[in-house]
Protein backbone atom coordinates (compact mmCIF):
# COMPACT_ATOMS: atom_id res chain seq x y z
CA MET A 1 0.19 0.41 0.20
CA SER A 2 1.42 3.46 -0.62
CA PRO A 3 1.73 6.10 1.66
CA ASP A 4 -0.98 8.15 -0.23
CA SER A 5 -3.28 5.05 -0.31
CA HIS A 6 -5.81 4.59 2.86
CA PRO A 7 -8.38 1.49 3.80
CA ALA A 8 -11.87 2.69 2.88
CA ASP A 9 -12.34 2.58 6.76
CA SER A 10 -9.55 4.46 7.84
CA PRO A 11 -9.54 8.11 9.47
CA ALA A 12 -7.36 9.18 6.46
CA SER A 13 -9.74 8.32 4.18
CA VAL A 14 -12.63 10.19 5.02
CA CYS A 15 -10.23 13.40 6.33
CA SER A 16 -10.28 16.33 3.98
CA ILE A 17 -6.90 18.11 4.32
CA SER A 18 -7.95 21.57 3.25
CA ARG A 19 -10.37 21.46 6.05
CA VAL A 20 -7.53 20.46 8.37
CA GLU A 21 -5.47 23.02 6.88
CA HIS A 22 -8.41 25.64 7.27
CA ALA A 23 -9.14 24.75 11.12
CA LEU A 24 -5.28 25.08 11.66
CA GLY A 25 -5.23 28.41 9.94
CA ILE A 26 -7.86 29.71 12.42
CA LEU A 27 -6.15 28.40 15.22
CA ARG A 28 -2.79 30.14 14.08
CA GLY A 29 -1.65 32.95 16.22
CA ARG A 30 0.84 32.80 19.13
CA TRP A 31 -2.01 33.35 21.75
CA LYS A 32 -5.09 31.89 20.27
CA LEU A 33 -5.25 28.28 21.72
CA LEU A 34 -4.20 29.47 25.37
CA ILE A 35 -7.26 32.17 24.99
CA ILE A 36 -9.42 29.30 23.92
CA HIS A 37 -7.48 27.17 26.77
CA HIS A 38 -8.81 29.83 29.05
CA LEU A 39 -12.03 29.90 27.90
CA LEU A 40 -12.40 26.38 28.28
CA VAL A 41 -11.57 26.39 32.02
CA ARG A 42 -13.87 28.99 32.86
CA ARG A 43 -16.65 31.16 30.81
CA PRO A 44 -17.58 33.25 30.34
CA ARG A 45 -14.32 35.72 30.96
CA ARG A 46 -14.09 39.66 31.42
CA PHE A 47 -11.04 40.90 28.70
CA SER A 48 -9.49 42.05 32.42
CA ASP A 49 -9.75 38.33 33.55
CA LEU A 50 -7.78 37.38 30.21
CA GLU A 51 -5.42 39.60 30.60
CA ARG A 52 -4.58 38.76 33.99
CA ALA A 53 -4.29 34.77 33.21
CA ILE A 54 -2.04 35.21 30.11
CA PRO A 55 0.26 38.00 31.15
CA GLU A 56 2.51 37.84 28.72
CA VAL A 57 0.55 38.91 25.92
CA THR A 58 -0.15 42.70 25.18
CA GLN A 59 -3.58 44.37 25.23
CA LYS A 60 -3.21 45.26 21.65
CA MET A 61 -2.62 41.39 20.80
CA LEU A 62 -5.05 40.41 23.04
CA ILE A 63 -7.78 42.31 21.33
CA GLN A 64 -6.48 41.29 18.05
CA GLN A 65 -6.66 37.51 18.94
CA LEU A 66 -9.99 38.14 20.21
CA ARG A 67 -11.18 39.81 17.41
CA ALA A 68 -9.90 37.15 14.79
CA LEU A 69 -11.32 34.40 17.00
CA GLU A 70 -14.59 36.18 17.07
CA SER A 71 -14.48 36.56 13.14
CA ASP A 72 -13.67 32.88 12.69
CA GLY A 73 -16.79 32.26 14.88
CA VAL A 74 -14.91 30.89 17.67
CA VAL A 75 -15.61 33.33 20.45
CA ARG A 76 -18.39 35.56 21.14
CA ARG A 77 -18.33 38.79 22.40
CA ILE A 78 -20.71 39.77 24.72
CA VAL A 79 -21.66 43.22 25.82
CA TYR A 80 -23.71 44.11 28.52
CA ASP A 81 -25.82 47.79 28.63
CA GLU A 82 -24.35 48.75 31.98
CA VAL A 83 -21.90 51.73 33.02
CA PRO A 84 -19.27 51.31 33.49
CA PRO A 85 -19.18 49.15 30.06
CA HIS A 86 -19.08 45.22 30.71
CA VAL A 87 -17.77 43.11 28.35
CA GLU A 88 -17.16 39.30 28.33
CA TYR A 89 -16.37 36.58 25.86
CA GLU A 90 -17.15 33.11 25.58
CA LEU A 91 -16.44 30.14 23.29
CA THR A 92 -19.30 29.35 20.80
CA PRO A 93 -20.52 26.17 20.22
CA ALA A 94 -17.99 25.77 17.63
CA GLY A 95 -15.31 27.04 19.80
CA ALA A 96 -16.41 24.66 22.63
CA GLY A 97 -16.21 21.57 20.37
CA LEU A 98 -12.45 22.40 19.95
CA ALA A 99 -11.84 20.91 23.36
CA THR A 100 -12.01 16.93 21.94
CA ALA A 101 -9.31 17.85 19.36
CA LEU A 102 -7.54 19.96 21.95
CA TYR A 103 -7.19 17.21 24.38
CA ALA A 104 -6.50 14.83 21.73
CA LEU A 105 -3.38 16.65 20.32
CA HIS A 106 -2.23 17.21 24.12
CA ASP A 107 -2.51 13.03 24.46
CA TRP A 108 -0.75 12.72 20.85
CA ALA A 109 2.06 14.96 22.30
CA GLU A 110 2.28 13.47 25.59
CA LEU A 111 2.41 9.71 24.03
CA SER A 112 4.92 10.86 21.27
CA GLY A 113 7.16 12.63 23.73
CA ASN A 114 6.37 15.62 21.75
CA THR A 115 6.06 17.64 25.27
CA ALA A 116 6.94 21.55 25.53
CA PRO A 117 7.71 23.19 28.82
CA SER A 118 4.82 24.91 30.16
CA ARG A 119 4.00 28.70 29.20
CA ALA A 120 4.73 31.49 31.76
CA GLY A 121 1.31 31.43 33.94
CA GLU A 122 0.32 27.97 33.33
CA ASP A 123 0.49 25.27 35.98
CA PRO A 124 1.73 22.13 34.42
CA ALA A 125 -0.28 19.79 36.49
CA SER A 126 -3.57 21.19 35.78
CA GLY A 127 -3.05 23.41 33.37
CA GLU A 128 -4.87 26.25 35.00
CA ALA A 129 -3.21 29.79 35.07
CA GLY A 130 -1.39 30.45 38.22
């Protein structure tokens, strides 16, 4: 069997690479996975909560990454009609659906020995920001 051929019932036979590339393109960005992680752990979250959870990200970059995730349908921005303004971010159903894929990638990295040191602000034992 050649490397490009797959049995009819294999996952690769139904996997559209262009869809995977599109999904990875949405997630591409220095802070997007970490933002999604924090929104999976606790949702919804205020902007200032995300800033505290990811202290290395600049305010400008956090805004850019959140806007991109919102534009791609991963994150929803909720604006409350209050004074002072109150804005929260939460994952859309599509964004929450990423949990399974992210956990699978985590497990794959662990099993294959492709582990990286934790990012600053993340507790390696729980994955929760510290």
